[in-house]
Amino acid sequence: TISEITKEEGYHSVIAKVKLPESIPIPGKKICGIRFMENGMQQRTGMITTQTGVGSTIIINVPYPGKYAEMTIEAPNANKGDQIMFKVGVNNLGEEPLEDIKADIRIEDVEEGKLIDVVQTNTATIVPFKKEDFYALWETGDYESARYRAKATLNYGGENPATAEAPFMIGKMFVELKDASRNGTSNKINQF
């Protein structure tokens, strides 16, 4: 229902109230919307016409029964010998709190698939429908310049653990141009 419409010079303001059902049987993210369209348009055949309107998306998060978590991981690139701060974002989408949880992060060499190291994040409790960021610090030490993968696992007491992974690199990336003194012609593909 539309509860309020205000008109001021140059714009209109609308407040709408949406009545939702008491319960939604399937958990997860539900997306719906509301749209207002210009009134008084005449139907014409054989013409292309325009109509103004405005809309908004409504996202409803229906809780999962019991415990349920989703997570992401950020793994920045670093130079050899630097530290890497992994950031793990955990969303509690269940009806119960996630108590005293922490994520394990496996660091693997992408080329060989070999396990390099394992680090753990800090510990926290997350109440339902809240997000918490966890952090773990890793010393790159003398590890070779290469591509790596961080695989995070969170055993929170749900049916399956939450997992996420992200690639990252250790080492300096640089390009050295040699013999770039040739002249080029604009608006043409030039050979080097």
C-alpha atoms as a PDB file:
ATOM      1  CA  THR A   1       0.000   0.000   0.000  1.00  0.00           C
ATOM      2  CA  ILE A   2       1.118   3.540  -0.656  1.00  0.00           C
ATOM      3  CA  SER A   3       1.079   5.426   2.622  1.00  0.00           C
ATOM      4  CA  GLU A   4       2.361   8.830   1.600  1.00  0.00           C
ATOM      5  CA  ILE A   5       2.960  10.854  -1.554  1.00  0.00           C
ATOM      6  CA  THR A   6       4.553  14.264  -1.322  1.00  0.00           C
ATOM      7  CA  LYS A   7       5.105  16.658  -4.181  1.00  0.00           C
ATOM      8  CA  GLU A   8       7.703  19.365  -4.142  1.00  0.00           C
ATOM      9  CA  GLU A   9       9.057  21.438  -6.937  1.00  0.00           C
ATOM     10  CA  GLY A  10      10.966  19.156  -9.299  1.00  0.00           C
ATOM     11  CA  TYR A  11      10.344  15.803  -7.607  1.00  0.00           C
ATOM     12  CA  HIS A  12       7.824  13.475  -5.966  1.00  0.00           C
ATOM     13  CA  SER A  13       8.380  11.313  -2.892  1.00  0.00           C
ATOM     14  CA  VAL A  14       6.526   8.039  -2.259  1.00  0.00           C
ATOM     15  CA  ILE A  15       6.479   5.829   0.830  1.00  0.00           C
ATOM     16  CA  ALA A  16       5.175   2.328   0.166  1.00  0.00           C
ATOM     17  CA  LYS A  17       4.468  -0.424   2.684  1.00  0.00           C
ATOM     18  CA  VAL A  18       4.838  -4.005   1.501  1.00  0.00           C
ATOM     19  CA  LYS A  19       2.995  -6.716   3.428  1.00  0.00           C
ATOM     20  CA  LEU A  20       4.983  -9.939   3.510  1.00  0.00           C
ATOM     21  CA  PRO A  21       3.685 -13.396   4.426  1.00  0.00           C
ATOM     22  CA  GLU A  22       4.167 -14.586   8.012  1.00  0.00           C
ATOM     23  CA  SER A  23       6.643 -17.206   6.847  1.00  0.00           C
ATOM     24  CA  ILE A  24       8.416 -18.249   3.668  1.00  0.00           C
ATOM     25  CA  PRO A  25       9.026 -22.013   3.513  1.00  0.00           C
ATOM     26  CA  ILE A  26      12.220 -22.043   1.406  1.00  0.00           C
ATOM     27  CA  PRO A  27      15.314 -20.490   3.065  1.00  0.00           C
ATOM     28  CA  GLY A  28      17.806 -18.239   1.287  1.00  0.00           C
ATOM     29  CA  LYS A  29      17.836 -14.913  -0.532  1.00  0.00           C
ATOM     30  CA  LYS A  30      14.525 -13.906  -2.137  1.00  0.00           C
ATOM     31  CA  ILE A  31      14.412 -10.961  -4.531  1.00  0.00           C
ATOM     32  CA  CYS A  32      11.272  -9.061  -5.438  1.00  0.00           C
ATOM     33  CA  GLY A  33      10.584  -5.479  -6.341  1.00  0.00           C
ATOM     34  CA  ILE A  34       8.203  -2.589  -6.509  1.00  0.00           C
ATOM     35  CA  ARG A  35       7.719  -0.338  -9.516  1.00  0.00           C
ATOM     36  CA  PHE A  36       5.812   2.875 -10.179  1.00  0.00           C
ATOM     37  CA  MET A  37       4.982   3.834 -13.739  1.00  0.00           C
ATOM     38  CA  GLU A  38       3.665   7.044 -15.283  1.00  0.00           C
ATOM     39  CA  ASN A  39      -0.111   7.102 -15.514  1.00  0.00           C
ATOM     40  CA  GLY A  40      -2.231   8.291 -18.427  1.00  0.00           C
ATOM     41  CA  MET A  41      -0.316   6.805 -21.351  1.00  0.00           C
ATOM     42  CA  GLN A  42      -2.448   6.253 -24.427  1.00  0.00           C
ATOM     43  CA  GLN A  43      -2.125   3.063 -26.423  1.00  0.00           C
ATOM     44  CA  ARG A  44      -1.089   3.779 -29.982  1.00  0.00           C
ATOM     45  CA  THR A  45      -0.399   1.288 -32.730  1.00  0.00           C
ATOM     46  CA  GLY A  46       2.513   1.503 -35.131  1.00  0.00           C
ATOM     47  CA  MET A  47       4.565   3.834 -32.884  1.00  0.00           C
ATOM     48  CA  ILE A  48       7.355   3.579 -30.387  1.00  0.00           C
ATOM     49  CA  THR A  49       6.590   5.564 -27.247  1.00  0.00           C
ATOM     50  CA  THR A  50       8.281   6.063 -23.893  1.00  0.00           C
ATOM     51  CA  GLN A  51       6.966   5.926 -20.362  1.00  0.00           C
ATOM     52  CA  THR A  52       8.735   7.107 -17.220  1.00  0.00           C
ATOM     53  CA  GLY A  53       8.888   5.053 -14.068  1.00  0.00           C
ATOM     54  CA  VAL A  54      10.924   4.245 -11.000  1.00  0.00           C
ATOM     55  CA  GLY A  55      11.490   1.010  -9.149  1.00  0.00           C
ATOM     56  CA  SER A  56      13.297  -0.543  -6.234  1.00  0.00           C
ATOM     57  CA  THR A  57      14.536  -4.040  -5.443  1.00  0.00           C
ATOM     58  CA  ILE A  58      13.545  -5.692  -2.173  1.00  0.00           C
ATOM     59  CA  ILE A  59      15.827  -8.437  -0.849  1.00  0.00           C
ATOM     60  CA  ILE A  60      14.423 -10.782   1.790  1.00  0.00           C
ATOM     61  CA  ASN A  61      16.819 -13.130   3.590  1.00  0.00           C
ATOM     62  CA  VAL A  62      14.880 -16.128   4.869  1.00  0.00           C
ATOM     63  CA  PRO A  63      16.888 -17.865   7.633  1.00  0.00           C
ATOM     64  CA  TYR A  64      18.092 -21.428   7.219  1.00  0.00           C
ATOM     65  CA  PRO A  65      16.995 -23.780  10.005  1.00  0.00           C
ATOM     66  CA  GLY A  66      19.729 -24.428  12.573  1.00  0.00           C
ATOM     67  CA  LYS A  67      23.246 -23.291  11.677  1.00  0.00           C
ATOM     68  CA  TYR A  68      24.257 -22.097   8.214  1.00  0.00           C
ATOM     69  CA  ALA A  69      27.227 -19.983   7.101  1.00  0.00           C
ATOM     70  CA  GLU A  70      28.560 -18.625   3.822  1.00  0.00           C
ATOM     71  CA  MET A  71      32.001 -17.130   3.451  1.00  0.00           C
ATOM     72  CA  THR A  72      34.460 -15.336   1.192  1.00  0.00           C
ATOM     73  CA  ILE A  73      38.230 -14.934   1.298  1.00  0.00           C
ATOM     74  CA  GLU A  74      40.527 -12.142   0.122  1.00  0.00           C
ATOM     75  CA  ALA A  75      44.180 -12.954  -0.526  1.00  0.00           C
ATOM     76  CA  PRO A  76      46.324 -10.010  -1.664  1.00  0.00           C
ATOM     77  CA  ASN A  77      49.503 -10.341  -3.724  1.00  0.00           C
ATOM     78  CA  ALA A  78      52.802  -9.678  -1.932  1.00  0.00           C
ATOM     79  CA  ASN A  79      56.514  -9.377  -2.531  1.00  0.00           C
ATOM     80  CA  LYS A  80      58.796 -12.185  -1.417  1.00  0.00           C
ATOM     81  CA  GLY A  81      59.569 -11.770   2.292  1.00  0.00           C
ATOM     82  CA  ASP A  82      56.459  -9.663   3.029  1.00  0.00           C
ATOM     83  CA  GLN A  83      53.478 -10.594   5.175  1.00  0.00           C
ATOM     84  CA  ILE A  84      50.050 -11.409   3.725  1.00  0.00           C
ATOM     85  CA  MET A  85      46.897 -10.573   5.673  1.00  0.00           C
ATOM     86  CA  PHE A  86      44.091 -12.944   4.643  1.00  0.00           C
ATOM     87  CA  LYS A  87      40.570 -11.626   5.194  1.00  0.00           C
ATOM     88  CA  VAL A  88      37.734 -14.131   5.591  1.00  0.00           C
ATOM     89  CA  GLY A  89      34.163 -12.777   5.616  1.00  0.00           C
ATOM     90  CA  VAL A  90      31.571 -15.032   7.277  1.00  0.00           C
ATOM     91  CA  ASN A  91      27.803 -14.477   7.018  1.00  0.00           C
ATOM     92  CA  ASN A  92      25.592 -16.291   9.526  1.00  0.00           C
ATOM     93  CA  LEU A  93      22.406 -17.031   7.547  1.00  0.00           C
ATOM     94  CA  GLY A  94      21.006 -19.554  10.038  1.00  0.00           C
ATOM     95  CA  GLU A  95      18.605 -19.247  12.945  1.00  0.00           C
ATOM     96  CA  GLU A  96      21.264 -20.141  15.548  1.00  0.00           C
ATOM     97  CA  PRO A  97      24.454 -18.315  16.577  1.00  0.00           C
ATOM     98  CA  LEU A  98      27.823 -19.616  15.371  1.00  0.00           C
ATOM     99  CA  GLU A  99      29.844 -19.843  18.571  1.00  0.00           C
ATOM    100  CA  ASP A 100      33.632 -19.717  18.928  1.00  0.00           C
ATOM    101  CA  ILE A 101      34.362 -20.311  15.255  1.00  0.00           C
ATOM    102  CA  LYS A 102      37.581 -19.837  13.283  1.00  0.00           C
ATOM    103  CA  ALA A 103      38.650 -20.684   9.751  1.00  0.00           C
ATOM    104  CA  ASP A 104      41.592 -22.808   8.637  1.00  0.00           C
ATOM    105  CA  ILE A 105      43.420 -21.458   5.575  1.00  0.00           C
ATOM    106  CA  ARG A 106      45.432 -23.899   3.473  1.00  0.00           C
ATOM    107  CA  ILE A 107      48.078 -22.273   1.274  1.00  0.00           C
ATOM    108  CA  GLU A 108      48.836 -24.309  -1.849  1.00  0.00           C
ATOM    109  CA  ASP A 109      51.188 -23.956  -4.805  1.00  0.00           C
ATOM    110  CA  VAL A 110      48.945 -23.617  -7.892  1.00  0.00           C
ATOM    111  CA  GLU A 111      51.386 -25.289 -10.314  1.00  0.00           C
ATOM    112  CA  GLU A 112      52.176 -28.371  -8.232  1.00  0.00           C
ATOM    113  CA  GLY A 113      49.031 -28.500  -6.051  1.00  0.00           C
ATOM    114  CA  LYS A 114      51.357 -29.004  -3.073  1.00  0.00           C
ATOM    115  CA  LEU A 115      50.368 -27.887   0.441  1.00  0.00           C
ATOM    116  CA  ILE A 116      52.729 -25.102   1.572  1.00  0.00           C
ATOM    117  CA  ASP A 117      51.338 -24.051   4.950  1.00  0.00           C
ATOM    118  CA  VAL A 118      48.189 -23.810   7.107  1.00  0.00           C
ATOM    119  CA  VAL A 119      47.170 -20.760   9.165  1.00  0.00           C
ATOM    120  CA  GLN A 120      44.142 -20.080  11.348  1.00  0.00           C
ATOM    121  CA  THR A 121      42.070 -16.948  11.753  1.00  0.00           C
ATOM    122  CA  ASN A 122      41.032 -15.322  14.988  1.00  0.00           C
ATOM    123  CA  THR A 123      38.017 -16.760  16.869  1.00  0.00           C
ATOM    124  CA  ALA A 124      34.602 -15.077  17.207  1.00  0.00           C
ATOM    125  CA  THR A 125      30.887 -15.698  17.722  1.00  0.00           C
ATOM    126  CA  ILE A 126      28.377 -14.510  15.112  1.00  0.00           C
ATOM    127  CA  VAL A 127      24.699 -13.986  15.918  1.00  0.00           C
ATOM    128  CA  PRO A 128      22.094 -14.812  13.223  1.00  0.00           C
ATOM    129  CA  PHE A 129      22.045 -12.502  10.186  1.00  0.00           C
ATOM    130  CA  LYS A 130      25.293 -10.777  11.030  1.00  0.00           C
ATOM    131  CA  LYS A 131      28.610 -10.757   9.174  1.00  0.00           C
ATOM    132  CA  GLU A 132      32.003 -10.924  10.815  1.00  0.00           C
ATOM    133  CA  ASP A 133      35.449 -10.545   9.268  1.00  0.00           C
ATOM    134  CA  PHE A 134      38.247 -12.857  10.392  1.00  0.00           C
ATOM    135  CA  TYR A 135      41.955 -12.311   9.768  1.00  0.00           C
ATOM    136  CA  ALA A 136      45.072 -14.478   9.531  1.00  0.00           C
ATOM    137  CA  LEU A 137      48.632 -13.296   8.990  1.00  0.00           C
ATOM    138  CA  TRP A 138      51.085 -15.357   6.913  1.00  0.00           C
ATOM    139  CA  GLU A 139      54.815 -14.794   6.565  1.00  0.00           C
ATOM    140  CA  THR A 140      55.888 -15.422   2.954  1.00  0.00           C
ATOM    141  CA  GLY A 141      59.463 -15.888   4.153  1.00  0.00           C
ATOM    142  CA  ASP A 142      61.645 -17.525   1.545  1.00  0.00           C
ATOM    143  CA  TYR A 143      58.822 -19.028  -0.502  1.00  0.00           C
ATOM    144  CA  GLU A 144      59.478 -18.788  -4.223  1.00  0.00           C
ATOM    145  CA  SER A 145      57.902 -16.189  -6.484  1.00  0.00           C
ATOM    146  CA  ALA A 146      54.923 -18.069  -7.887  1.00  0.00           C
ATOM    147  CA  ARG A 147      51.145 -18.323  -8.023  1.00  0.00           C
ATOM    148  CA  TYR A 148      49.443 -19.664  -4.889  1.00  0.00           C
ATOM    149  CA  ARG A 149      45.917 -20.436  -3.720  1.00  0.00           C
ATOM    150  CA  ALA A 150      44.372 -19.798  -0.298  1.00  0.00           C
ATOM    151  CA  LYS A 151      41.616 -22.314   0.570  1.00  0.00           C
ATOM    152  CA  ALA A 152      39.565 -21.451   3.641  1.00  0.00           C
ATOM    153  CA  THR A 153      37.410 -23.984   5.505  1.00  0.00           C
ATOM    154  CA  LEU A 154      35.026 -23.130   8.344  1.00  0.00           C
ATOM    155  CA  ASN A 155      33.635 -25.979  10.470  1.00  0.00           C
ATOM    156  CA  TYR A 156      30.785 -24.191  12.234  1.00  0.00           C
ATOM    157  CA  GLY A 157      28.597 -27.141  13.289  1.00  0.00           C
ATOM    158  CA  GLY A 158      26.337 -27.124  10.243  1.00  0.00           C
ATOM    159  CA  GLU A 159      25.654 -29.962   7.817  1.00  0.00           C
ATOM    160  CA  ASN A 160      28.638 -29.065   5.593  1.00  0.00           C
ATOM    161  CA  PRO A 161      31.618 -26.790   6.266  1.00  0.00           C
ATOM    162  CA  ALA A 162      31.702 -23.405   4.516  1.00  0.00           C
ATOM    163  CA  THR A 163      34.523 -23.077   1.985  1.00  0.00           C
ATOM    164  CA  ALA A 164      36.052 -20.349  -0.172  1.00  0.00           C
ATOM    165  CA  GLU A 165      39.260 -19.906  -2.137  1.00  0.00           C
ATOM    166  CA  ALA A 166      41.234 -17.131  -3.770  1.00  0.00           C
ATOM    167  CA  PRO A 167      44.399 -17.009  -5.902  1.00  0.00           C
ATOM    168  CA  PHE A 168      47.352 -14.767  -5.063  1.00  0.00           C
ATOM    169  CA  MET A 169      50.968 -14.277  -6.125  1.00  0.00           C
ATOM    170  CA  ILE A 170      54.274 -13.861  -4.362  1.00  0.00           C
ATOM    171  CA  GLY A 171      56.963 -11.957  -6.199  1.00  0.00           C
ATOM    172  CA  LYS A 172      57.586  -8.767  -8.093  1.00  0.00           C
ATOM    173  CA  MET A 173      55.877  -8.400 -11.423  1.00  0.00           C
ATOM    174  CA  PHE A 174      57.692  -6.232 -13.906  1.00  0.00           C
ATOM    175  CA  VAL A 175      58.059  -5.831 -17.641  1.00  0.00           C
ATOM    176  CA  GLU A 176      61.333  -4.777 -19.192  1.00  0.00           C
ATOM    177  CA  LEU A 177      61.015  -3.239 -22.649  1.00  0.00           C
ATOM    178  CA  LYS A 178      63.948  -3.761 -24.962  1.00  0.00           C
ATOM    179  CA  ASP A 179      64.432  -2.102 -28.339  1.00  0.00           C
ATOM    180  CA  ALA A 180      61.288   0.011 -28.227  1.00  0.00           C
ATOM    181  CA  SER A 181      62.822   2.793 -30.281  1.00  0.00           C
ATOM    182  CA  ARG A 182      60.951   2.043 -33.501  1.00  0.00           C
ATOM    183  CA  ASN A 183      58.557   4.640 -34.865  1.00  0.00           C
ATOM    184  CA  GLY A 184      54.907   3.858 -35.379  1.00  0.00           C
ATOM    185  CA  THR A 185      52.236   5.205 -37.678  1.00  0.00           C
ATOM    186  CA  SER A 186      48.902   6.211 -36.187  1.00  0.00           C
ATOM    187  CA  ASN A 187      45.681   4.518 -37.340  1.00  0.00           C
ATOM    188  CA  LYS A 188      47.659   1.464 -38.471  1.00  0.00           C
ATOM    189  CA  ILE A 189      48.826  -1.826 -36.967  1.00  0.00           C
ATOM    190  CA  ASN A 190      52.587  -1.476 -36.500  1.00  0.00           C
ATOM    191  CA  GLN A 191      54.978  -4.425 -36.230  1.00  0.00           C
ATOM    192  CA  PHE A 192      57.655  -4.655 -33.558  1.00  0.00           C
END
